[in-house]
Amino acid sequence: MSASDITPLVRAFITEEFGVPANQEIGDDESLLGGGFVDSMGILALIDFIESDLGVAVGEDDLVATNFESIAAIREFVEGKRRHAASAA
């Protein structure tokens, strides 16, 4: 999966999981929490999605708001974890 695949997958998950109306576009840099798209409990579902569907382990040290603030932040987080895993291999 390439980096360009991450954004639409995350957007689709958020739209479906959290009932975002189809006519409402979520910008890449739009705050998911501040915009009311995801609540604090929804972050747990988002983490599960990242681990199960995107194949990235989310550690305790990763549980900071900046990693899940926006679709762009999630993409950067996932890409960073993948780069780190590739360089460690």
Protein backbone atom coordinates (compact mmCIF):
# COMPACT_ATOMS: atom_id res chain seq x y z
CA MET A 1 0.00 0.00 0.00
CA SER A 2 1.41 3.34 -1.04
CA ALA A 3 1.20 6.60 0.90
CA SER A 4 -1.37 7.90 -1.59
CA ASP A 5 -3.66 4.99 -0.66
CA ILE A 6 -3.76 5.92 3.03
CA THR A 7 -5.72 9.17 2.75
CA PRO A 8 -8.79 7.79 0.94
CA LEU A 9 -8.89 4.72 3.20
CA VAL A 10 -8.81 6.83 6.35
CA ARG A 11 -11.39 9.26 4.96
CA ALA A 12 -13.72 6.40 3.97
CA PHE A 13 -13.37 4.76 7.39
CA ILE A 14 -14.18 7.99 9.24
CA THR A 15 -17.11 8.77 6.95
CA GLU A 16 -18.63 5.30 7.35
CA GLU A 17 -17.78 4.63 11.00
CA PHE A 18 -18.85 8.00 12.37
CA GLY A 19 -21.80 8.75 10.11
CA VAL A 20 -20.39 11.75 8.26
CA PRO A 21 -22.96 12.78 5.64
CA ALA A 22 -21.92 11.89 2.10
CA ASN A 23 -22.20 15.52 1.02
CA GLN A 24 -19.81 16.70 3.74
CA GLU A 25 -16.15 16.60 2.70
CA ILE A 26 -13.51 16.26 5.41
CA GLY A 27 -10.40 18.25 4.49
CA ASP A 28 -7.03 16.55 4.94
CA ASP A 29 -5.96 19.11 7.56
CA GLU A 30 -9.36 19.56 9.21
CA SER A 31 -9.44 18.75 12.93
CA LEU A 32 -11.27 15.47 13.45
CA LEU A 33 -11.91 16.13 17.13
CA GLY A 34 -12.47 19.88 16.86
CA GLY A 35 -14.71 19.42 13.83
CA GLY A 36 -16.87 16.93 15.68
CA PHE A 37 -16.14 14.08 13.28
CA VAL A 38 -14.54 11.84 15.92
CA ASP A 39 -15.02 11.87 19.68
CA SER A 40 -12.61 10.57 22.31
CA MET A 41 -14.15 7.09 22.19
CA GLY A 42 -13.95 7.14 18.41
CA ILE A 43 -10.18 7.43 18.66
CA LEU A 44 -10.18 3.83 19.92
CA ALA A 45 -12.02 2.68 16.79
CA LEU A 46 -9.61 4.71 14.69
CA ILE A 47 -6.61 3.07 16.38
CA ASP A 48 -8.13 -0.37 15.78
CA PHE A 49 -8.59 0.53 12.10
CA ILE A 50 -4.97 1.72 11.82
CA GLU A 51 -3.70 -1.50 13.34
CA SER A 52 -6.00 -3.96 11.56
CA ASP A 53 -6.50 -2.37 8.14
CA LEU A 54 -3.31 -0.36 7.70
CA GLY A 55 -1.03 -2.85 9.44
CA VAL A 56 0.63 -0.41 11.81
CA ALA A 57 1.08 -1.13 15.50
CA VAL A 58 0.11 1.81 17.70
CA GLY A 59 2.18 1.83 20.87
CA GLU A 60 1.51 3.54 24.15
CA ASP A 61 3.99 6.31 23.25
CA ASP A 62 2.03 6.97 20.04
CA LEU A 63 -1.16 7.87 21.91
CA VAL A 64 -0.85 11.62 21.52
CA ALA A 65 -3.50 13.86 20.02
CA THR A 66 -1.23 15.18 17.26
CA ASN A 67 -1.04 11.71 15.66
CA PHE A 68 -4.84 11.58 15.26
CA GLU A 69 -5.72 15.26 14.84
CA SER A 70 -6.49 15.10 11.11
CA ILE A 71 -6.44 12.78 8.13
CA ALA A 72 -3.08 14.28 7.13
CA ALA A 73 -1.69 13.67 10.64
CA ILE A 74 -2.83 10.05 10.54
CA ARG A 75 -1.24 9.59 7.11
CA GLU A 76 2.05 11.07 8.37
CA PHE A 77 1.91 8.90 11.48
CA VAL A 78 1.33 5.71 9.45
CA GLU A 79 4.03 6.62 6.92
CA GLY A 80 6.49 7.37 9.73
CA LYS A 81 5.81 4.06 11.46
CA ARG A 82 6.26 2.21 8.17
CA ARG A 83 9.53 3.99 7.41
CA HIS A 84 10.80 3.19 10.88
CA ALA A 85 9.81 -0.48 10.52
CA ALA A 86 11.49 -0.68 7.09
CA SER A 87 14.72 0.88 8.34
CA ALA A 88 14.80 -1.47 11.35
CA ALA A 89 14.46 -4.54 9.11
